[in-house]
Amino acid sequence: MIRLLLILLFASLAPAGFAQQCHLPDRLAAPAPCPDRSRGDGETVARGQPGDFDFYVLALSWSPAFCEQAKDRATADLQCRRNRFGFVVHGLWPQYGAGKGSAWPQFCTPAAPVAETTLRRALCLMPGERLVQCQWAKHGTCSDQPTPDAYIDKIQRLMAGLTLPDFQKGGSRTVAEIAEAFIAANQARGLTSAHIRLDLGRDGRLEEVRICYEKKLNQFQACGETVGGFDPADRRENGKRVLIRAVAPS
């Protein structure tokens, strides 16, 4: 009964065309703390103030690519063994525009542990307790959302407004073709190639699709030069061939 309720809850939160099932354990692991924001080693250095940014990036991770590299990680159980996901949310990232010296703020305030009730709401979109904790600590604290619950609410709303193309069978496509699949599925909402960036692994596999939104999250925004990844509007990059790992059968 609990499993059925979780599946039905996820279906109510999932975007149109998003048919993934989600199975959560009865007990969740307490999230491991994120790296100490005071270390200042580049990865963890704190910079910026809450709400002081220019736009958002919604980062969608292609789960089969992650799971191929995380086969032996205990922390990947929910994402890679209990479930068979396609796209999942890596995070919702406040981003700076050009000319500010850094691409994004991070670790803007200390972050307490995310409550289990919030984790359960998030895990079918962001499948990892530590992932949720660290995305809130690193990026959510710099957003204009005051709590982890509010941050997760925004992610759920954005995902409910997206239609995700079906890449479950995997294969090979160009950067432009992957972007075009997203655009075709969301054209009525105004999505264009200017709003999309693709992150690829060293072997040319699809790892992430990044979609840019204006600060109020009511519409898409051009990503600009501060968002990393391959630009499907750039003729020098959009013909690159991308390998898409198939979703493993359940």
Protein backbone atom coordinates (compact mmCIF):
# COMPACT_ATOMS: atom_id res chain seq x y z
CA MET A 1 0.00 0.00 0.00
CA ILE A 2 2.81 2.44 0.90
CA ARG A 3 4.58 1.66 -2.38
CA LEU A 4 1.36 2.26 -4.36
CA LEU A 5 0.77 5.58 -2.62
CA LEU A 6 4.32 6.70 -3.43
CA ILE A 7 3.87 5.79 -7.08
CA LEU A 8 0.57 7.69 -7.24
CA LEU A 9 2.10 10.69 -5.45
CA PHE A 10 5.00 10.81 -7.89
CA ALA A 11 2.61 10.57 -10.85
CA SER A 12 0.74 13.61 -9.54
CA LEU A 13 4.00 15.59 -9.33
CA ALA A 14 5.56 14.37 -12.57
CA PRO A 15 5.64 16.45 -15.76
CA ALA A 16 3.51 15.60 -18.74
CA GLY A 17 4.88 12.58 -20.58
CA PHE A 18 6.99 11.58 -17.58
CA ALA A 19 5.95 7.99 -16.82
CA GLN A 20 8.70 6.89 -14.44
CA GLN A 21 7.72 4.94 -11.37
CA CYS A 22 9.44 5.65 -8.08
CA HIS A 23 10.02 3.21 -5.22
CA LEU A 24 11.21 4.63 -1.91
CA PRO A 25 12.44 2.60 1.06
CA ASP A 26 10.47 2.53 4.29
CA ARG A 27 13.42 4.15 6.05
CA LEU A 28 15.69 6.84 4.70
CA ALA A 29 19.36 7.22 5.47
CA ALA A 30 20.33 10.40 7.28
CA PRO A 31 22.10 12.58 4.69
CA ALA A 32 25.84 12.81 5.12
CA PRO A 33 26.95 16.40 5.69
CA CYS A 34 28.19 18.35 2.72
CA PRO A 35 31.79 19.59 2.59
CA ASP A 36 32.49 22.30 5.12
CA ARG A 37 31.68 25.61 3.42
CA SER A 38 34.43 27.33 5.38
CA ARG A 39 37.29 25.33 3.83
CA GLY A 40 37.73 27.67 0.90
CA ASP A 41 39.28 25.09 -1.44
CA GLY A 42 37.53 26.32 -4.58
CA GLU A 43 34.85 23.63 -4.55
CA THR A 44 33.45 24.61 -1.15
CA VAL A 45 34.31 28.29 -0.82
CA ALA A 46 31.29 30.35 0.19
CA ARG A 47 30.44 33.29 -2.04
CA GLY A 48 27.44 35.49 -2.62
CA GLN A 49 24.31 36.42 -0.71
CA PRO A 50 20.86 34.78 -0.69
CA GLY A 51 18.70 36.16 -3.50
CA ASP A 52 21.55 38.07 -5.17
CA PHE A 53 21.75 36.39 -8.58
CA ASP A 54 20.49 36.93 -12.12
CA PHE A 55 18.71 33.77 -13.30
CA TYR A 56 18.24 30.05 -12.62
CA VAL A 57 19.54 26.88 -14.26
CA LEU A 58 17.51 23.68 -13.93
CA ALA A 59 20.01 20.83 -14.33
CA LEU A 60 18.55 17.49 -15.49
CA SER A 61 20.87 14.52 -15.11
CA TRP A 62 20.55 11.51 -17.44
CA SER A 63 20.39 8.80 -14.79
CA PRO A 64 21.72 5.83 -16.85
CA ALA A 65 24.99 7.70 -17.44
CA PHE A 66 25.37 8.35 -13.70
CA CYS A 67 24.51 4.77 -12.79
CA GLU A 68 27.05 3.38 -15.24
CA GLN A 69 29.75 5.13 -13.21
CA ALA A 70 28.23 4.51 -9.77
CA LYS A 71 27.60 0.76 -9.84
CA ASP A 72 29.37 0.07 -6.57
CA ARG A 73 28.36 3.15 -4.59
CA ALA A 74 26.12 2.40 -1.63
CA THR A 75 24.66 5.90 -1.96
CA ALA A 76 23.38 5.05 -5.45
CA ASP A 77 20.99 2.34 -4.24
CA LEU A 78 17.83 4.44 -4.58
CA GLN A 79 18.71 5.81 -8.01
CA CYS A 80 20.43 2.86 -9.62
CA ARG A 81 19.10 -0.32 -8.01
CA ARG A 82 15.64 0.37 -6.60
CA ASN A 83 14.57 2.42 -9.62
CA ARG A 84 15.16 2.79 -13.36
CA PHE A 85 15.06 6.52 -14.04
CA GLY A 86 15.66 8.50 -17.21
CA PHE A 87 16.04 12.22 -16.44
CA VAL A 88 16.27 13.24 -12.80
CA VAL A 89 16.94 16.63 -11.25
CA HIS A 90 20.54 17.37 -10.38
CA GLY A 91 19.63 20.77 -8.98
CA LEU A 92 18.14 24.22 -9.38
CA TRP A 93 21.06 26.64 -9.49
CA PRO A 94 21.09 30.42 -9.02
CA GLN A 95 23.37 31.80 -11.72
CA TYR A 96 25.17 35.09 -12.34
CA GLY A 97 25.11 36.91 -15.65
CA ALA A 98 28.28 37.96 -17.45
CA GLY A 99 30.82 40.24 -15.84
CA LYS A 100 30.50 39.22 -12.17
CA GLY A 101 33.73 37.26 -11.80
CA SER A 102 32.09 33.92 -10.95
CA ALA A 103 29.44 31.87 -12.70
CA TRP A 104 27.30 31.27 -9.62
CA PRO A 105 26.96 31.91 -5.87
CA GLN A 106 27.30 28.97 -3.50
CA PHE A 107 27.08 28.04 0.20
CA CYS A 108 25.57 31.42 1.00
CA THR A 109 24.44 30.49 4.54
CA PRO A 110 24.93 27.49 6.85
CA ALA A 111 22.45 24.69 6.09
CA ALA A 112 20.80 22.52 8.73
CA PRO A 113 19.90 18.90 7.85
CA VAL A 114 16.91 18.63 5.50
CA ALA A 115 13.92 17.10 7.29
CA GLU A 116 12.86 13.56 6.35
CA THR A 117 9.40 14.76 5.28
CA THR A 118 11.06 17.13 2.80
CA LEU A 119 13.42 14.42 1.58
CA ARG A 120 10.49 12.11 0.86
CA ARG A 121 8.83 14.81 -1.23
CA ALA A 122 12.04 15.37 -3.18
CA LEU A 123 13.52 11.92 -3.72
CA CYS A 124 11.44 10.84 -6.71
CA LEU A 125 12.84 13.82 -8.62
CA MET A 126 16.26 14.10 -6.91
CA PRO A 127 17.03 10.45 -6.02
CA GLY A 128 19.57 10.68 -3.24
CA GLU A 129 19.39 11.91 0.34
CA ARG A 130 22.84 13.47 0.14
CA LEU A 131 22.04 14.96 -3.27
CA VAL A 132 19.05 16.83 -1.82
CA GLN A 133 21.02 17.94 1.24
CA CYS A 134 23.99 19.19 -0.76
CA GLN A 135 21.97 20.90 -3.47
CA TRP A 136 20.12 22.83 -0.77
CA ALA A 137 23.38 23.64 1.05
CA LYS A 138 25.33 24.69 -2.03
CA HIS A 139 22.66 26.25 -4.25
CA GLY A 140 19.36 26.50 -2.39
CA THR A 141 20.81 28.71 0.33
CA CYS A 142 21.74 31.22 -2.39
CA SER A 143 18.30 31.17 -4.00
CA ASP A 144 15.37 33.39 -3.13
CA GLN A 145 13.66 30.45 -1.42
CA PRO A 146 13.75 30.63 2.40
CA THR A 147 13.53 26.91 3.23
CA PRO A 148 14.30 23.50 1.72
CA ASP A 149 10.54 22.92 1.37
CA ALA A 150 10.13 26.09 -0.67
CA TYR A 151 13.15 25.18 -2.82
CA ILE A 152 11.72 21.70 -3.52
CA ASP A 153 8.33 23.27 -4.29
CA LYS A 154 9.95 25.34 -7.05
CA ILE A 155 11.68 22.31 -8.52
CA GLN A 156 8.43 20.34 -8.54
CA ARG A 157 6.59 23.22 -10.22
CA LEU A 158 9.23 23.54 -12.94
CA MET A 159 9.23 19.81 -13.60
CA ALA A 160 5.44 19.76 -13.77
CA GLY A 161 5.69 22.41 -16.49
CA LEU A 162 8.15 20.45 -18.66
CA THR A 163 7.49 17.63 -21.08
CA LEU A 164 10.56 15.41 -21.27
CA PRO A 165 11.43 13.65 -24.53
CA ASP A 166 11.68 9.87 -24.46
CA PHE A 167 15.30 8.73 -24.74
CA GLN A 168 14.80 5.48 -22.83
CA LYS A 169 16.00 3.29 -25.70
CA GLY A 170 19.27 5.21 -25.91
CA GLY A 171 21.14 5.57 -29.17
CA SER A 172 23.12 8.29 -30.86
CA ARG A 173 22.02 11.86 -31.64
CA THR A 174 23.69 15.18 -32.24
CA VAL A 175 23.67 18.05 -29.74
CA ALA A 176 21.19 19.84 -32.00
CA GLU A 177 18.90 16.79 -32.24
CA ILE A 178 18.72 16.37 -28.46
CA ALA A 179 17.87 20.06 -28.06
CA GLU A 180 15.30 19.82 -30.84
CA ALA A 181 13.56 16.95 -29.01
CA PHE A 182 13.20 19.15 -25.93
CA ILE A 183 12.06 22.11 -28.03
CA ALA A 184 9.45 20.09 -29.91
CA ALA A 185 8.02 18.79 -26.63
CA ASN A 186 7.89 22.27 -25.08
CA GLN A 187 7.47 24.62 -28.03
CA ALA A 188 4.14 25.93 -26.77
CA ARG A 189 5.94 27.11 -23.63
CA GLY A 190 8.50 29.05 -25.70
CA LEU A 191 11.57 26.85 -25.29
CA THR A 192 14.32 27.49 -27.86
CA SER A 193 17.91 26.36 -28.36
CA ALA A 194 19.12 29.55 -26.65
CA HIS A 195 17.67 28.25 -23.39
CA ILE A 196 19.50 24.89 -23.45
CA ARG A 197 23.00 23.60 -22.75
CA LEU A 198 24.23 19.98 -22.83
CA ASP A 199 26.89 18.53 -20.58
CA LEU A 200 28.74 15.52 -22.00
CA GLY A 201 31.16 13.05 -20.47
CA ARG A 202 34.67 12.60 -21.78
CA ASP A 203 33.47 9.66 -23.86
CA GLY A 204 30.80 11.80 -25.54
CA ARG A 205 27.91 10.38 -23.53
CA LEU A 206 24.98 12.55 -22.47
CA GLU A 207 25.26 13.40 -18.79
CA GLU A 208 23.08 16.46 -18.31
CA VAL A 209 20.64 18.85 -19.96
CA ARG A 210 20.56 22.36 -18.49
CA ILE A 211 17.58 24.66 -19.03
CA CYS A 212 17.73 28.33 -18.11
CA TYR A 213 14.90 30.31 -16.51
CA GLU A 214 14.48 33.95 -15.61
CA LYS A 215 14.68 34.72 -11.90
CA LYS A 216 10.95 34.57 -11.21
CA LEU A 217 10.82 31.15 -12.91
CA ASN A 218 7.83 32.16 -15.02
CA GLN A 219 9.60 31.82 -18.38
CA PHE A 220 12.76 30.58 -20.04
CA GLN A 221 15.83 32.77 -20.44
CA ALA A 222 18.85 32.65 -22.74
CA CYS A 223 21.65 30.85 -20.92
CA GLY A 224 24.47 33.13 -22.03
CA GLU A 225 28.18 32.62 -21.57
CA THR A 226 28.23 31.78 -17.86
CA VAL A 227 26.40 28.45 -18.25
CA GLY A 228 28.73 25.62 -19.14
CA GLY A 229 28.06 22.90 -21.69
CA PHE A 230 27.55 22.50 -25.43
CA ASP A 231 25.43 25.18 -27.07
CA PRO A 232 22.90 23.76 -29.57
CA ALA A 233 22.66 27.19 -31.22
CA ASP A 234 26.41 27.23 -31.97
CA ARG A 235 27.26 25.75 -35.37
CA ARG A 236 30.70 24.77 -34.09
CA GLU A 237 29.12 22.57 -31.40
CA ASN A 238 25.64 21.50 -32.44
CA GLY A 239 26.77 18.78 -34.84
CA LYS A 240 28.72 16.86 -32.21
CA ARG A 241 27.46 13.29 -31.91
CA VAL A 242 26.23 12.26 -28.48
CA LEU A 243 25.82 8.73 -27.14
CA ILE A 244 22.73 8.19 -24.97
CA ARG A 245 22.88 5.21 -22.64
CA ALA A 246 19.59 3.27 -22.56
CA VAL A 247 17.50 2.94 -19.42
CA ALA A 248 18.05 -0.58 -18.08
CA PRO A 249 14.93 -2.79 -18.03
CA SER A 250 13.33 -3.16 -14.63
